[in-house]
C-alpha cells in the first residue's frame, strides 16, 4: 500500500453490487486497477461471511476505510500514511470516515439521491459524477486554510463588525426572493444568514458553504444552480442563486421556480446590497482572523477554534505575527498550526468531549461511532477541560454547556497557566461579540 505518497489520500467510488469503478480522485499516483479490485473483493468476501469490514491498517502506516451508502455506492478512502506524522491511527480513521460521509452527501447535493440509488446506466452516471469533482477535490485537498466545517460539522463563520446591518439585508433579500433561506459568505465563511438557513442540517450548511466557495472560485458573477439537500430534500431539487457582491463577498438564496436569475440580479441585489458597500468592505477587512477588531486576543494564543454548541457555528484563526510578538522563531508555521488544531480537535472529541453531530447522524453512523466511545465510558463524569503537551506546542480544550474552545499555546507558557489563558480567551470573545 506504500504505492501512495506519505500523507496523501485517494478516494475510490464503485457500484456496491458489481464493483464497477465510477471514479477515483486524490493522490497524483493512482492505485492500479488490480489493487482497487482487491480492496472491493475483500470487502465483498467479508460481507458474504456476515462481517462488515470498515477499516484496516497497513504495515507502512497507511489506512483503508470502506463505506457502502444506500446499498448502491461504495466509497473507499486510502491514506498513504498518517498526515503530518503526529496523528494517531484513531485520528486518521476519524478523518477518513468523515471524508466518506461528506463525499456521499456532496454527491447527493449535486445529483440527488434517486440518480445514485437507481442506477440504470453506469456510463451515464460516470459522466454525471464529473460535476461533483470540484467539490470532492475541495474536500480531499482542504485547499483553504482555516476551513474546519468538513471535520466539525459546524458552519465556518466570520464575525462582522456590523452584524445587525448585514442581518437585516440578508433577511430582506430572502423575503424579496420569496425565500426563507439566504446567507452572506465572506472569505468562504458565513458572515450572516437567515434563521431558516441555520435550521438546515449542520452537514448541509457545511456542504452548501463548500459549494459556494467552489462556485465563487469559478469566477462567474452570478449563477443559478440546482441542489438537493442530503437530509432535508434528497430527491427534490431547489435552486441556489449566487451573486458576487464584491471580490470575496457573495450572497446566495435557496428558492423555488421564482424569481428568475435575471430578475434577482437586476432588481434585488442592487436594492439591498448597494447601500451596504462600505459595511461589506469592513466585513472583508476582518479577513482570516474571523474576529472583529473589538476582540483583542492575548499574545500567547497561537491559534484557536471556538464552537458554539447550540447554533453549530465555529470561528477559527491562526495568529501570523505571534513569532514576532513573543520573540520565538521556533513556533510552528501557520500551515502547521492549522494542522495541529484539527488534530487536537479530533483528539479531544474522540476521547473527552461530546460530539453533537452524532445526534444528527444517520442511524448506521451512530451505531458505527458507538464503538469508538469506549474510552469515554471509562469516566464517571463528563470531562470539561483537557490539555496536551507535545514537542511543538501546548494545546488546551475547554467545554461549557454552550461552547467548546480549542487553543494552541507556545511551549514557553507554563502548564499551570493554560486554564487561565483559555477561560480569559473565551470570556473576551463572547463579551465582545455575543457569539
Protein backbone atom coordinates (compact mmCIF):
# COMPACT_ATOMS: atom_id res chain seq x y z
CA UNK A 1 0.00 0.00 0.00
CA UNK A 2 3.02 2.27 0.01
CA UNK A 3 2.32 2.94 -3.68
CA UNK A 4 0.67 6.12 -2.37
CA UNK A 5 2.82 9.02 -1.23
CA UNK A 6 3.13 9.53 2.53
CA UNK A 7 0.36 11.85 3.70
CA UNK A 8 -1.72 11.64 0.50
CA UNK A 9 -5.28 10.33 0.31
CA UNK A 10 -7.02 8.63 -2.60
CA UNK A 11 -10.78 8.24 -2.93
CA UNK A 12 -12.32 5.38 -4.92
CA UNK A 13 -16.02 5.18 -5.84
CA UNK A 14 -17.58 1.93 -7.12
CA UNK A 15 -21.05 0.46 -7.57
CA UNK A 16 -21.81 -1.57 -4.44
CA UNK A 17 -23.41 -4.53 -6.21
CA UNK A 18 -20.97 -5.20 -9.07
CA UNK A 19 -17.84 -3.27 -8.05
CA UNK A 20 -17.70 -1.26 -11.31
CA UNK A 21 -15.35 1.74 -10.74
CA UNK A 22 -17.19 5.09 -11.11
CA UNK A 23 -14.29 7.45 -10.38
CA UNK A 24 -11.06 7.91 -8.42
CA UNK A 25 -9.84 11.23 -7.03
CA UNK A 26 -6.93 12.35 -4.93
CA UNK A 27 -3.32 11.20 -4.98
CA UNK A 28 -1.44 12.01 -8.19
CA UNK A 29 -0.19 8.42 -8.50
CA UNK A 30 -3.37 6.35 -8.67
CA UNK A 31 -3.67 2.81 -7.37
CA UNK A 32 -3.60 0.07 -10.05
CA UNK A 33 -6.93 -1.48 -11.08
CA UNK A 34 -5.85 -4.82 -9.55
CA UNK A 35 -5.42 -3.20 -6.11
CA UNK A 36 -8.81 -1.46 -6.41
CA UNK A 37 -10.37 -4.82 -7.34
CA UNK A 38 -8.73 -6.46 -4.31
CA UNK A 39 -10.00 -3.73 -1.95
CA UNK A 40 -13.52 -4.26 -3.27
CA UNK A 41 -13.15 -8.06 -3.23
CA UNK A 42 -12.03 -8.30 0.39
CA UNK A 43 -14.99 -6.16 1.47
CA UNK A 44 -17.41 -8.35 -0.51
CA UNK A 45 -15.83 -11.50 0.97
CA UNK A 46 -16.37 -10.12 4.49
CA UNK A 47 -19.99 -9.29 3.66
CA UNK A 48 -20.53 -12.85 2.47
CA UNK A 49 -19.30 -14.11 5.84
CA UNK A 50 -21.58 -11.73 7.77
CA UNK A 51 -18.71 -9.37 8.65
CA UNK A 52 -18.70 -5.64 7.88
CA UNK A 53 -15.16 -4.55 7.02
CA UNK A 54 -14.96 -0.83 7.79
CA UNK A 55 -11.26 -0.12 8.36
CA UNK A 56 -7.79 -1.67 8.24
CA UNK A 57 -4.20 -0.53 8.65
CA UNK A 58 -1.16 -1.42 6.53
CA UNK A 59 2.35 -2.24 7.71
CA UNK A 60 3.64 1.06 6.31
CA UNK A 61 1.23 3.16 8.38
CA UNK A 62 -1.37 3.57 5.65
CA UNK A 63 -5.09 3.17 6.30
CA UNK A 64 -8.07 1.97 4.27
CA UNK A 65 -11.68 2.86 5.16
CA UNK A 66 -14.74 1.37 3.41
CA UNK A 67 -18.34 2.55 3.47
CA UNK A 68 -21.43 1.47 1.49
CA UNK A 69 -24.23 4.04 1.08
CA UNK A 70 -27.85 3.10 0.37
CA UNK A 71 -26.74 -0.37 -0.83
CA UNK A 72 -25.82 1.43 -4.04
CA UNK A 73 -22.43 3.14 -3.90
CA UNK A 74 -19.23 2.03 -2.18
CA UNK A 75 -16.66 4.65 -1.23
CA UNK A 76 -13.12 3.65 -0.24
CA UNK A 77 -10.57 6.10 1.20
CA UNK A 78 -6.92 5.05 1.09
CA UNK A 79 -4.38 7.03 3.08
CA UNK A 80 -0.68 6.68 2.28
CA UNK A 81 0.35 7.38 5.87
CA UNK A 82 -0.54 9.49 8.85
CA UNK A 83 -0.82 13.11 7.78
CA UNK A 84 1.71 15.39 9.38
CA UNK A 85 3.28 12.45 11.19
CA UNK A 86 1.72 13.44 14.52
CA UNK A 87 -1.74 11.94 14.31
CA UNK A 88 -2.51 8.53 15.70
CA UNK A 89 -4.27 5.75 13.85
CA UNK A 90 -7.53 6.76 15.54
CA UNK A 91 -7.32 10.39 14.41
CA UNK A 92 -6.63 9.31 10.83
CA UNK A 93 -9.56 6.88 10.89
CA UNK A 94 -11.94 9.61 12.09
CA UNK A 95 -10.69 11.97 9.36
CA UNK A 96 -11.22 9.37 6.62
CA UNK A 97 -14.67 8.30 7.88
CA UNK A 98 -15.76 11.94 7.94
CA UNK A 99 -14.39 12.37 4.41
CA UNK A 100 -16.52 9.47 3.10
CA UNK A 101 -19.68 10.84 4.77
CA UNK A 102 -19.06 14.26 3.23
CA UNK A 103 -18.29 12.89 -0.25
CA UNK A 104 -21.53 10.86 -0.31
CA UNK A 105 -23.55 13.87 0.84
CA UNK A 106 -21.85 16.06 -1.75
CA UNK A 107 -22.82 13.56 -4.49
CA UNK A 108 -26.44 13.71 -3.25
CA UNK A 109 -26.25 17.52 -3.08
CA UNK A 110 -25.30 17.79 -6.77
CA UNK A 111 -27.08 14.79 -8.37
CA UNK A 112 -29.90 13.84 -5.99
CA UNK A 113 -30.35 10.53 -4.22
CA UNK A 114 -32.52 8.90 -6.91
CA UNK A 115 -29.82 9.05 -9.57
CA UNK A 116 -27.34 7.41 -7.18
CA UNK A 117 -29.61 4.66 -5.84
CA UNK A 118 -31.47 3.71 -9.06
CA UNK A 119 -28.55 3.26 -11.45
CA UNK A 120 -29.92 2.40 -14.90
CA UNK A 121 -26.90 3.37 -16.98
CA UNK A 122 -23.45 3.19 -15.37
CA UNK A 123 -21.69 5.11 -18.17
CA UNK A 124 -24.15 7.98 -17.86
CA UNK A 125 -23.68 8.05 -14.08
CA UNK A 126 -19.90 8.24 -14.59
CA UNK A 127 -20.38 11.31 -16.81
CA UNK A 128 -22.83 12.95 -14.39
CA UNK A 129 -20.49 12.42 -11.44
CA UNK A 130 -17.90 14.69 -13.09
CA UNK A 131 -19.99 17.66 -11.96
CA UNK A 132 -19.12 16.70 -8.35
CA UNK A 133 -15.36 16.61 -8.88
CA UNK A 134 -14.50 20.22 -7.95
CA UNK A 135 -16.43 19.86 -4.70
CA UNK A 136 -14.93 16.43 -3.91
CA UNK A 137 -11.42 17.75 -4.65
CA UNK A 138 -12.05 20.63 -2.25
CA UNK A 139 -12.96 18.10 0.48
CA UNK A 140 -9.90 15.97 -0.32
CA UNK A 141 -7.32 18.71 -0.62
CA UNK A 142 -8.64 21.03 2.09
CA UNK A 143 -7.42 23.87 -0.10
CA UNK A 144 -8.47 26.80 2.08
CA UNK A 145 -6.66 27.07 5.40
CA UNK A 146 -8.99 27.64 8.31
CA UNK A 147 -12.00 25.84 6.86
CA UNK A 148 -12.81 23.31 9.60
CA UNK A 149 -16.50 22.52 8.94
CA UNK A 150 -15.72 19.35 6.94
CA UNK A 151 -14.42 17.93 10.22
CA UNK A 152 -16.55 19.64 12.90
CA UNK A 153 -19.93 19.78 11.08
CA UNK A 154 -20.12 23.36 12.33
CA UNK A 155 -20.52 26.27 9.91
CA UNK A 156 -17.24 28.15 9.44
CA UNK A 157 -18.19 31.70 10.37
CA UNK A 158 -16.77 35.20 10.26
CA UNK A 159 -17.98 37.67 12.91
CA UNK A 160 -18.50 41.07 11.22
CA UNK A 161 -18.09 44.48 12.89
CA UNK A 162 -21.70 45.48 11.97
CA UNK A 163 -23.74 42.27 12.24
CA UNK A 164 -27.16 43.97 12.58
CA UNK A 165 -26.99 45.79 9.23
CA UNK A 166 -25.91 42.64 7.40
CA UNK A 167 -28.56 40.52 9.12
CA UNK A 168 -31.33 42.94 8.10
CA UNK A 169 -30.09 42.92 4.49
CA UNK A 170 -29.93 39.09 4.31
CA UNK A 171 -33.45 38.77 5.81
CA UNK A 172 -34.87 41.41 3.45
CA UNK A 173 -33.13 39.94 0.41
CA UNK A 174 -34.50 36.45 1.18
CA UNK A 175 -38.04 37.76 1.68
CA UNK A 176 -37.94 39.70 -1.60
CA UNK A 177 -36.85 36.49 -3.38
CA UNK A 178 -39.82 34.56 -1.90
CA UNK A 179 -37.47 32.51 0.26
CA UNK A 180 -36.57 31.96 3.90
CA UNK A 181 -33.10 30.62 3.13
CA UNK A 182 -30.26 33.05 2.41
CA UNK A 183 -26.71 33.63 3.56
CA UNK A 184 -23.79 36.02 3.05
CA UNK A 185 -20.39 34.36 2.53
CA UNK A 186 -17.22 36.40 3.15
CA UNK A 187 -13.80 34.84 2.54
CA UNK A 188 -15.53 31.45 2.28
CA UNK A 189 -17.19 31.79 5.69
CA UNK A 190 -20.74 32.68 6.72
CA UNK A 191 -21.00 36.29 7.91
CA UNK A 192 -24.82 36.39 8.17
CA UNK A 193 -27.71 34.03 7.39
CA UNK A 194 -31.46 33.77 7.86
CA UNK A 195 -32.86 31.83 10.80
CA UNK A 196 -34.12 29.04 8.49
CA UNK A 197 -30.64 28.69 6.93
CA UNK A 198 -29.27 27.87 10.39
CA UNK A 199 -32.05 25.31 10.84
CA UNK A 200 -30.78 23.22 7.91
CA UNK A 201 -28.92 20.07 8.99
CA UNK A 202 -25.38 21.05 10.12
CA UNK A 203 -23.75 18.96 7.37
CA UNK A 204 -25.97 20.65 4.74
CA UNK A 205 -24.87 24.10 5.92
CA UNK A 206 -21.21 22.99 5.72
CA UNK A 207 -21.55 21.46 2.22
CA UNK A 208 -23.54 24.40 0.83
CA UNK A 209 -20.71 26.67 2.04
CA UNK A 210 -18.20 24.41 0.27
CA UNK A 211 -20.30 24.52 -2.92
CA UNK A 212 -20.48 28.31 -2.74
CA UNK A 213 -16.69 28.52 -2.37
CA UNK A 214 -16.36 26.29 -5.44
CA UNK A 215 -18.83 28.39 -7.47
CA UNK A 216 -17.16 31.60 -6.36
CA UNK A 217 -13.73 30.27 -7.42
CA UNK A 218 -15.12 29.69 -10.94
CA UNK A 219 -15.05 33.47 -11.42
CA UNK A 220 -18.68 33.93 -12.51
CA UNK A 221 -20.53 36.99 -11.20
CA UNK A 222 -23.76 35.03 -10.70
CA UNK A 223 -25.23 31.57 -11.21
CA UNK A 224 -28.43 29.54 -10.94
CA UNK A 225 -27.53 26.06 -9.66
CA UNK A 226 -29.87 23.13 -8.82
CA UNK A 227 -29.15 21.47 -5.44
CA UNK A 228 -30.64 18.64 -3.40
CA UNK A 229 -30.45 18.82 0.40
CA UNK A 230 -28.93 15.46 1.51
CA UNK A 231 -31.15 15.22 4.60
CA UNK A 232 -33.94 17.75 4.05
CA UNK A 233 -34.74 17.15 0.37
CA UNK A 234 -32.58 14.38 -1.19
CA UNK A 235 -34.96 13.72 -4.11
CA UNK A 236 -36.42 17.17 -4.95
CA UNK A 237 -34.10 19.91 -6.24
CA UNK A 238 -34.07 23.54 -5.11
CA UNK A 239 -32.47 26.45 -6.95
CA UNK A 240 -29.37 28.04 -5.45
CA UNK A 241 -28.94 31.59 -6.76
CA UNK A 242 -25.49 33.06 -6.05
CA UNK A 243 -24.28 36.63 -6.67
CA UNK A 244 -20.86 38.18 -6.19
CA UNK A 245 -21.24 41.48 -4.34
CA UNK A 246 -17.51 42.30 -4.07
CA UNK A 247 -14.42 40.11 -4.63
CA UNK A 248 -14.52 37.77 -1.62
CA UNK A 249 -18.16 38.51 -0.71
CA UNK A 250 -21.08 36.51 -2.15
CA UNK A 251 -24.76 36.32 -1.27
CA UNK A 252 -26.96 33.33 -2.07
CA UNK A 253 -30.59 32.30 -1.75
CA UNK A 254 -32.29 28.88 -1.87
CA UNK A 255 -35.59 29.24 -3.72
CA UNK A 256 -38.22 27.64 -5.93
CA UNK A 257 -39.10 28.43 -9.58
CA UNK A 258 -39.18 32.20 -8.94
CA UNK A 259 -37.53 34.69 -9.12
CA UNK A 260 -35.54 34.29 -12.34
CA UNK A 261 -31.78 34.83 -12.10
CA UNK A 262 -32.08 37.99 -14.21
CA UNK A 263 -34.85 39.47 -12.06
CA UNK A 264 -32.97 38.77 -8.83
CA UNK A 265 -29.72 40.16 -10.24
CA UNK A 266 -31.19 43.30 -11.78
CA UNK A 267 -33.94 44.05 -9.28
CA UNK A 268 -32.92 42.73 -5.86
CA UNK A 269 -29.14 42.64 -5.49
CA UNK A 270 -28.62 46.36 -6.04
CA UNK A 271 -31.63 47.32 -3.93
CA UNK A 272 -30.45 45.51 -0.82
CA UNK A 273 -26.66 45.48 -1.13
CA UNK A 274 -25.54 48.70 -2.90
CA UNK A 275 -26.24 50.80 0.25
CA UNK A 276 -24.04 48.40 2.24
CA UNK A 277 -20.85 48.50 0.15
CA UNK A 278 -18.82 50.15 2.94
CA UNK A 279 -20.23 47.73 5.53
CA UNK A 280 -19.21 44.84 3.29
CA UNK A 281 -15.71 46.30 2.92
CA UNK A 282 -15.42 46.49 6.72
CA UNK A 283 -16.50 42.87 6.85
CA UNK A 284 -13.92 41.84 4.23
CA UNK A 285 -11.24 43.68 6.25
CA UNK A 286 -11.77 41.24 9.15
CA UNK A 287 -10.09 38.69 6.87
CA UNK A 288 -8.85 35.30 8.03
CA UNK A 289 -8.84 36.45 11.65
CA UNK A 290 -12.63 35.91 11.55
CA UNK A 291 -12.99 38.13 14.62
CA UNK A 292 -13.73 41.88 14.58
CA UNK A 293 -11.27 44.44 15.93
CA UNK A 294 -13.31 44.70 19.16
CA UNK A 295 -11.81 41.32 20.17
CA UNK A 296 -8.27 41.58 21.48
CA UNK A 297 -6.59 38.19 21.80
CA UNK A 298 -3.76 37.52 24.24
CA UNK A 299 -0.34 37.37 22.52
CA UNK A 300 0.21 33.83 23.89
CA UNK A 301 -2.65 32.39 21.79
CA UNK A 302 -1.11 30.81 18.68
CA UNK A 303 -4.39 29.52 17.21
CA UNK A 304 -7.97 28.92 18.24
CA UNK A 305 -11.13 27.09 17.25
CA UNK A 306 -14.30 28.22 19.05
CA UNK A 307 -17.54 26.28 18.56
CA UNK A 308 -21.00 27.44 19.63
CA UNK A 309 -22.64 24.11 20.51
CA UNK A 310 -26.19 25.50 20.31
CA UNK A 311 -26.00 27.16 16.88
CA UNK A 312 -23.42 24.72 15.41
CA UNK A 313 -21.26 27.63 14.27
CA UNK A 314 -17.49 27.99 14.63
CA UNK A 315 -14.79 30.62 14.29
CA UNK A 316 -11.11 29.80 13.93
CA UNK A 317 -7.90 31.70 13.37
CA UNK A 318 -4.11 31.34 13.44
CA UNK A 319 -2.01 34.29 14.57
CA UNK A 320 0.56 35.16 11.91
CA UNK A 321 2.57 37.74 13.89
CA UNK A 322 2.91 35.72 17.12
CA UNK A 323 6.53 34.72 16.45
CA UNK A 324 7.47 38.39 16.34
CA UNK A 325 5.40 39.27 19.43
CA UNK A 326 6.91 36.52 21.56
CA UNK A 327 10.40 36.71 20.06
CA UNK A 328 10.32 32.95 19.42
CA UNK A 329 11.45 31.80 15.96
CA UNK A 330 10.75 28.12 16.75
CA UNK A 331 6.95 28.30 16.81
CA UNK A 332 5.02 26.12 14.31
CA UNK A 333 4.31 27.64 10.89
CA UNK A 334 0.85 28.90 10.01
CA UNK A 335 0.06 25.82 7.91
CA UNK A 336 1.30 23.51 10.69
CA UNK A 337 -0.86 25.35 13.27
CA UNK A 338 -3.98 24.65 11.19
CA UNK A 339 -2.97 21.00 11.01
CA UNK A 340 -2.30 20.78 14.76
CA UNK A 341 -5.62 22.48 15.54
CA UNK A 342 -7.52 19.84 13.54
CA UNK A 343 -5.59 17.00 15.18
CA UNK A 344 -6.24 18.39 18.67
CA UNK A 345 -9.96 18.77 17.87
CA UNK A 346 -10.16 15.08 16.86
CA UNK A 347 -8.05 14.05 19.88
CA UNK A 348 -10.36 15.91 22.29
CA UNK A 349 -13.70 14.93 20.77
CA UNK A 350 -12.88 11.23 20.38
CA UNK A 351 -11.62 10.95 23.96
CA UNK A 352 -13.18 13.58 26.20
CA UNK A 353 -15.75 15.99 24.79
CA UNK A 354 -19.26 15.49 23.45
CA UNK A 355 -19.69 15.34 19.66
CA UNK A 356 -23.05 16.93 18.92
CA UNK A 357 -23.03 15.82 15.31
CA UNK A 358 -23.59 12.22 16.45
CA UNK A 359 -27.13 13.39 17.27
CA UNK A 360 -27.60 14.49 13.66
CA UNK A 361 -26.02 11.44 12.05
CA UNK A 362 -27.85 8.62 10.30
CA UNK A 363 -28.69 5.57 12.48
CA UNK A 364 -25.97 3.39 10.95
CA UNK A 365 -23.43 6.18 11.53
CA UNK A 366 -24.43 6.36 15.20
CA UNK A 367 -24.01 2.59 15.56
CA UNK A 368 -20.63 2.71 13.86
CA UNK A 369 -19.37 5.55 16.01
CA UNK A 370 -20.71 3.98 19.19
CA UNK A 371 -17.77 1.56 19.06
CA UNK A 372 -15.30 4.44 19.40
CA UNK A 373 -16.84 5.77 22.62
CA UNK A 374 -15.39 3.07 24.92
CA UNK A 375 -12.71 5.45 26.18
CA UNK A 376 -15.34 7.99 27.31
CA UNK A 377 -17.38 5.30 29.09
CA UNK A 378 -14.46 4.82 31.47
CA UNK A 379 -15.23 8.18 33.09
CA UNK A 380 -17.81 8.63 35.86
CA UNK A 381 -18.29 12.25 34.73
CA UNK A 382 -18.24 14.39 31.59
CA UNK A 383 -14.75 15.92 31.21
CA UNK A 384 -14.85 19.71 30.85
CA UNK A 385 -11.21 20.50 30.14
CA UNK A 386 -8.19 18.71 28.72
CA UNK A 387 -4.65 19.58 27.66
CA UNK A 388 -1.84 18.07 25.64
CA UNK A 389 1.87 18.95 25.63
CA UNK A 390 3.89 18.00 22.54
CA UNK A 391 7.30 18.96 21.18
CA UNK A 392 5.75 21.74 19.08
CA UNK A 393 3.27 23.49 21.39
CA UNK A 394 0.76 23.07 24.20
CA UNK A 395 -2.92 22.52 23.42
CA UNK A 396 -5.86 23.21 25.72
CA UNK A 397 -9.54 22.29 25.32
CA UNK A 398 -12.41 23.77 27.29
CA UNK A 399 -16.07 22.71 27.22
CA UNK A 400 -19.04 24.63 28.67
CA UNK A 401 -22.76 23.97 28.09
CA UNK A 402 -22.71 26.45 25.19
CA UNK A 403 -19.14 26.40 23.84
CA UNK A 404 -16.11 24.30 23.00
CA UNK A 405 -12.77 26.12 22.75
CA UNK A 406 -9.55 24.59 21.41
CA UNK A 407 -6.30 26.56 21.77
CA UNK A 408 -2.69 26.18 20.65
CA UNK A 409 -0.28 27.88 23.06
CA UNK A 410 3.55 28.26 22.93
CA UNK A 411 5.69 25.87 24.99
CA UNK A 412 7.07 28.86 26.89
CA UNK A 413 3.72 29.36 28.68
CA UNK A 414 3.68 27.40 31.99
CA UNK A 415 1.26 24.47 32.00
CA UNK A 416 -0.48 25.74 35.16
CA UNK A 417 -1.41 28.96 33.31
CA UNK A 418 -3.18 27.23 30.37
CA UNK A 419 -6.61 27.22 32.03
CA UNK A 420 -6.38 30.97 32.68
CA UNK A 421 -5.42 31.64 29.05
CA UNK A 422 -8.40 29.57 27.83
CA UNK A 423 -11.06 30.97 30.16
CA UNK A 424 -9.95 34.55 29.51
CA UNK A 425 -9.93 34.00 25.72
CA UNK A 426 -13.45 32.55 25.79
CA UNK A 427 -14.71 35.35 28.01
CA UNK A 428 -13.12 38.08 25.81
CA UNK A 429 -14.63 36.74 22.55
CA UNK A 430 -18.13 36.16 23.95
CA UNK A 431 -18.22 39.54 25.74
CA UNK A 432 -17.19 41.43 22.57
CA UNK A 433 -19.32 39.55 20.01
CA UNK A 434 -22.06 37.65 21.84
CA UNK A 435 -21.02 34.54 19.87
